[in-house]
Amino acid sequence: MVANIAHFGAMLIMGLVMTHEIPHLIGDVLMGWILLIAYIFLVACSENY
């Protein structure tokens, strides 16, 4: 999880600094939100059992 956070942070900085990296930034942010929501959902579901 820490590696993913570091990767998304690096991609955010790269996307903001290098204008040609905007598509990469959008893809990483979208993937990050999807993974975060899935992780929260899985943790919440596993606590019920």
PDB file of N, CA and C in Angstrom:
ATOM      1  N   MET A   1       0.828  -1.189   0.000  1.00  0.00           N
ATOM      2  CA  MET A   1       0.000   0.000   0.000  1.00  0.00           C
ATOM      3  C   MET A   1       0.879   1.262   0.000  1.00  0.00           C
ATOM      4  N   VAL A   2       1.961   1.215   0.760  1.00  0.00           N
ATOM      5  CA  VAL A   2       2.860   2.371   0.818  1.00  0.00           C
ATOM      6  C   VAL A   2       3.497   2.626  -0.548  1.00  0.00           C
ATOM      7  N   ALA A   3       3.857   1.558  -1.241  1.00  0.00           N
ATOM      8  CA  ALA A   3       4.450   1.725  -2.578  1.00  0.00           C
ATOM      9  C   ALA A   3       3.450   2.365  -3.537  1.00  0.00           C
ATOM     10  N   ASN A   4       2.187   1.978  -3.440  1.00  0.00           N
ATOM     11  CA  ASN A   4       1.167   2.586  -4.305  1.00  0.00           C
ATOM     12  C   ASN A   4       1.009   4.063  -3.993  1.00  0.00           C
ATOM     13  N   ILE A   5       0.994   4.422  -2.714  1.00  0.00           N
ATOM     14  CA  ILE A   5       0.864   5.833  -2.336  1.00  0.00           C
ATOM     15  C   ILE A   5       2.052   6.624  -2.863  1.00  0.00           C
ATOM     16  N   ALA A   6       3.256   6.069  -2.736  1.00  0.00           N
ATOM     17  CA  ALA A   6       4.448   6.747  -3.241  1.00  0.00           C
ATOM     18  C   ALA A   6       4.375   6.904  -4.758  1.00  0.00           C
ATOM     19  N   HIS A   7       3.918   5.873  -5.442  1.00  0.00           N
ATOM     20  CA  HIS A   7       3.808   5.939  -6.904  1.00  0.00           C
ATOM     21  C   HIS A   7       2.814   7.012  -7.325  1.00  0.00           C
ATOM     22  N   PHE A   8       1.641   7.046  -6.687  1.00  0.00           N
ATOM     23  CA  PHE A   8       0.640   8.041  -7.053  1.00  0.00           C
ATOM     24  C   PHE A   8       1.118   9.451  -6.729  1.00  0.00           C
ATOM     25  N   GLY A   9       1.866   9.594  -5.642  1.00  0.00           N
ATOM     26  CA  GLY A   9       2.432  10.903  -5.316  1.00  0.00           C
ATOM     27  C   GLY A   9       3.438  11.353  -6.360  1.00  0.00           C
ATOM     28  N   ALA A  10       4.298  10.434  -6.782  1.00  0.00           N
ATOM     29  CA  ALA A  10       5.289  10.762  -7.815  1.00  0.00           C
ATOM     30  C   ALA A  10       4.607  11.102  -9.137  1.00  0.00           C
ATOM     31  N   MET A  11       3.581  10.355  -9.500  1.00  0.00           N
ATOM     32  CA  MET A  11       2.867  10.626 -10.750  1.00  0.00           C
ATOM     33  C   MET A  11       2.127  11.964 -10.684  1.00  0.00           C
ATOM     34  N   LEU A  12       1.611  12.307  -9.499  1.00  0.00           N
ATOM     35  CA  LEU A  12       0.947  13.605  -9.341  1.00  0.00           C
ATOM     36  C   LEU A  12       1.939  14.731  -9.578  1.00  0.00           C
ATOM     37  N   ILE A  13       3.101  14.653  -8.952  1.00  0.00           N
ATOM     38  CA  ILE A  13       4.126  15.694  -9.127  1.00  0.00           C
ATOM     39  C   ILE A  13       4.583  15.744 -10.582  1.00  0.00           C
ATOM     40  N   MET A  14       4.814  14.580 -11.184  1.00  0.00           N
ATOM     41  CA  MET A  14       5.261  14.534 -12.574  1.00  0.00           C
ATOM     42  C   MET A  14       4.196  15.127 -13.500  1.00  0.00           C
ATOM     43  N   GLY A  15       2.928  14.800 -13.255  1.00  0.00           N
ATOM     44  CA  GLY A  15       1.858  15.329 -14.091  1.00  0.00           C
ATOM     45  C   GLY A  15       1.688  16.825 -13.963  1.00  0.00           C
ATOM     46  N   LEU A  16       1.955  17.352 -12.776  1.00  0.00           N
ATOM     47  CA  LEU A  16       1.831  18.797 -12.579  1.00  0.00           C
ATOM     48  C   LEU A  16       3.023  19.556 -13.155  1.00  0.00           C
ATOM     49  N   VAL A  17       4.208  18.951 -13.113  1.00  0.00           N
ATOM     50  CA  VAL A  17       5.422  19.624 -13.575  1.00  0.00           C
ATOM     51  C   VAL A  17       5.586  19.506 -15.091  1.00  0.00           C
ATOM     52  N   MET A  18       5.317  18.321 -15.632  1.00  0.00           N
ATOM     53  CA  MET A  18       5.495  18.076 -17.067  1.00  0.00           C
ATOM     54  C   MET A  18       4.117  18.069 -17.739  1.00  0.00           C
ATOM     55  N   THR A  19       3.859  19.072 -18.550  1.00  0.00           N
ATOM     56  CA  THR A  19       2.528  19.208 -19.144  1.00  0.00           C
ATOM     57  C   THR A  19       2.169  18.053 -20.082  1.00  0.00           C
ATOM     58  N   HIS A  20       3.157  17.406 -20.690  1.00  0.00           N
ATOM     59  CA  HIS A  20       2.859  16.302 -21.610  1.00  0.00           C
ATOM     60  C   HIS A  20       2.497  15.017 -20.862  1.00  0.00           C
ATOM     61  N   GLU A  21       2.564  15.016 -19.534  1.00  0.00           N
ATOM     62  CA  GLU A  21       2.237  13.836 -18.740  1.00  0.00           C
ATOM     63  C   GLU A  21       0.814  13.878 -18.175  1.00  0.00           C
ATOM     64  N   ILE A  22      -0.019  14.811 -18.633  1.00  0.00           N
ATOM     65  CA  ILE A  22      -1.381  14.933 -18.118  1.00  0.00           C
ATOM     66  C   ILE A  22      -2.190  13.649 -18.325  1.00  0.00           C
ATOM     67  N   PRO A  23      -2.145  12.983 -19.489  1.00  0.00           N
ATOM     68  CA  PRO A  23      -2.904  11.725 -19.631  1.00  0.00           C
ATOM     69  C   PRO A  23      -2.461  10.654 -18.627  1.00  0.00           C
ATOM     70  N   HIS A  24      -1.165  10.585 -18.361  1.00  0.00           N
ATOM     71  CA  HIS A  24      -0.647   9.641 -17.373  1.00  0.00           C
ATOM     72  C   HIS A  24      -1.198   9.985 -15.991  1.00  0.00           C
ATOM     73  N   LEU A  25      -1.243  11.274 -15.681  1.00  0.00           N
ATOM     74  CA  LEU A  25      -1.768  11.731 -14.399  1.00  0.00           C
ATOM     75  C   LEU A  25      -3.233  11.349 -14.242  1.00  0.00           C
ATOM     76  N   ILE A  26      -4.024  11.574 -15.271  1.00  0.00           N
ATOM     77  CA  ILE A  26      -5.448  11.245 -15.209  1.00  0.00           C
ATOM     78  C   ILE A  26      -5.649   9.748 -15.003  1.00  0.00           C
ATOM     79  N   GLY A  27      -4.903   8.931 -15.735  1.00  0.00           N
ATOM     80  CA  GLY A  27      -5.012   7.481 -15.591  1.00  0.00           C
ATOM     81  C   GLY A  27      -4.622   7.007 -14.207  1.00  0.00           C
ATOM     82  N   ASP A  28      -3.539   7.551 -13.668  1.00  0.00           N
ATOM     83  CA  ASP A  28      -3.086   7.141 -12.335  1.00  0.00           C
ATOM     84  C   ASP A  28      -4.064   7.573 -11.254  1.00  0.00           C
ATOM     85  N   VAL A  29      -4.588   8.777 -11.366  1.00  0.00           N
ATOM     86  CA  VAL A  29      -5.545   9.253 -10.361  1.00  0.00           C
ATOM     87  C   VAL A  29      -6.805   8.395 -10.405  1.00  0.00           C
ATOM     88  N   LEU A  30      -7.295   8.098 -11.592  1.00  0.00           N
ATOM     89  CA  LEU A  30      -8.481   7.248 -11.725  1.00  0.00           C
ATOM     90  C   LEU A  30      -8.214   5.861 -11.148  1.00  0.00           C
ATOM     91  N   MET A  31      -7.076   5.281 -11.494  1.00  0.00           N
ATOM     92  CA  MET A  31      -6.738   3.958 -10.967  1.00  0.00           C
ATOM     93  C   MET A  31      -6.580   4.002  -9.450  1.00  0.00           C
ATOM     94  N   GLY A  32      -5.981   5.059  -8.952  1.00  0.00           N
ATOM     95  CA  GLY A  32      -5.803   5.200  -7.511  1.00  0.00           C
ATOM     96  C   GLY A  32      -7.117   5.254  -6.764  1.00  0.00           C
ATOM     97  N   TRP A  33      -8.077   6.026  -7.273  1.00  0.00           N
ATOM     98  CA  TRP A  33      -9.391   6.112  -6.624  1.00  0.00           C
ATOM     99  C   TRP A  33     -10.121   4.780  -6.682  1.00  0.00           C
ATOM    100  N   ILE A  34     -10.045   4.107  -7.814  1.00  0.00           N
ATOM    101  CA  ILE A  34     -10.714   2.801  -7.938  1.00  0.00           C
ATOM    102  C   ILE A  34     -10.120   1.801  -6.956  1.00  0.00           C
ATOM    103  N   LEU A  35      -8.797   1.760  -6.867  1.00  0.00           N
ATOM    104  CA  LEU A  35      -8.147   0.837  -5.940  1.00  0.00           C
ATOM    105  C   LEU A  35      -8.446   1.195  -4.489  1.00  0.00           C
ATOM    106  N   LEU A  36      -8.469   2.484  -4.174  1.00  0.00           N
ATOM    107  CA  LEU A  36      -8.769   2.908  -2.809  1.00  0.00           C
ATOM    108  C   LEU A  36     -10.193   2.530  -2.414  1.00  0.00           C
ATOM    109  N   ILE A  37     -11.144   2.766  -3.294  1.00  0.00           N
ATOM    110  CA  ILE A  37     -12.541   2.409  -3.011  1.00  0.00           C
ATOM    111  C   ILE A  37     -12.688   0.899  -2.868  1.00  0.00           C
ATOM    112  N   ALA A  38     -12.034   0.142  -3.737  1.00  0.00           N
ATOM    113  CA  ALA A  38     -12.094  -1.320  -3.649  1.00  0.00           C
ATOM    114  C   ALA A  38     -11.474  -1.799  -2.343  1.00  0.00           C
ATOM    115  N   TYR A  39     -10.352  -1.216  -1.942  1.00  0.00           N
ATOM    116  CA  TYR A  39      -9.686  -1.604  -0.692  1.00  0.00           C
ATOM    117  C   TYR A  39     -10.586  -1.319   0.513  1.00  0.00           C
ATOM    118  N   ILE A  40     -11.177  -0.129   0.553  1.00  0.00           N
ATOM    119  CA  ILE A  40     -12.073   0.231   1.656  1.00  0.00           C
ATOM    120  C   ILE A  40     -13.271  -0.711   1.688  1.00  0.00           C
ATOM    121  N   PHE A  41     -13.828  -1.011   0.530  1.00  0.00           N
ATOM    122  CA  PHE A  41     -14.974  -1.914   0.456  1.00  0.00           C
ATOM    123  C   PHE A  41     -14.603  -3.302   0.970  1.00  0.00           C
ATOM    124  N   LEU A  42     -13.453  -3.818   0.549  1.00  0.00           N
ATOM    125  CA  LEU A  42     -13.027  -5.147   0.992  1.00  0.00           C
ATOM    126  C   LEU A  42     -12.754  -5.181   2.491  1.00  0.00           C
ATOM    127  N   VAL A  43     -12.153  -4.148   3.025  1.00  0.00           N
ATOM    128  CA  VAL A  43     -11.893  -4.097   4.462  1.00  0.00           C
ATOM    129  C   VAL A  43     -13.210  -4.009   5.241  1.00  0.00           C
ATOM    130  N   ALA A  44     -14.143  -3.201   4.755  1.00  0.00           N
ATOM    131  CA  ALA A  44     -15.426  -3.065   5.437  1.00  0.00           C
ATOM    132  C   ALA A  44     -16.204  -4.377   5.396  1.00  0.00           C
ATOM    133  N   CYS A  45     -16.144  -5.085   4.281  1.00  0.00           N
ATOM    134  CA  CYS A  45     -16.856  -6.351   4.161  1.00  0.00           C
ATOM    135  C   CYS A  45     -16.216  -7.439   5.033  1.00  0.00           C
ATOM    136  N   SER A  46     -14.900  -7.423   5.135  1.00  0.00           N
ATOM    137  CA  SER A  46     -14.237  -8.453   5.916  1.00  0.00           C
ATOM    138  C   SER A  46     -14.445  -8.268   7.417  1.00  0.00           C
ATOM    139  N   GLU A  47     -14.734  -7.041   7.861  1.00  0.00           N
ATOM    140  CA  GLU A  47     -14.983  -6.803   9.282  1.00  0.00           C
ATOM    141  C   GLU A  47     -16.342  -7.324   9.724  1.00  0.00           C
ATOM    142  N   ASN A  48     -17.243  -7.496   8.781  1.00  0.00           N
ATOM    143  CA  ASN A  48     -18.582  -7.988   9.110  1.00  0.00           C
ATOM    144  C   ASN A  48     -18.606  -9.485   9.356  1.00  0.00           C
ATOM    145  N   TYR A  49     -17.549 -10.190   8.961  1.00  0.00           N
ATOM    146  CA  TYR A  49     -17.547 -11.657   9.102  1.00  0.00           C
ATOM    147  C   TYR A  49     -16.695 -12.098  10.245  1.00  0.00           C
TER     148      TYR A  49
END
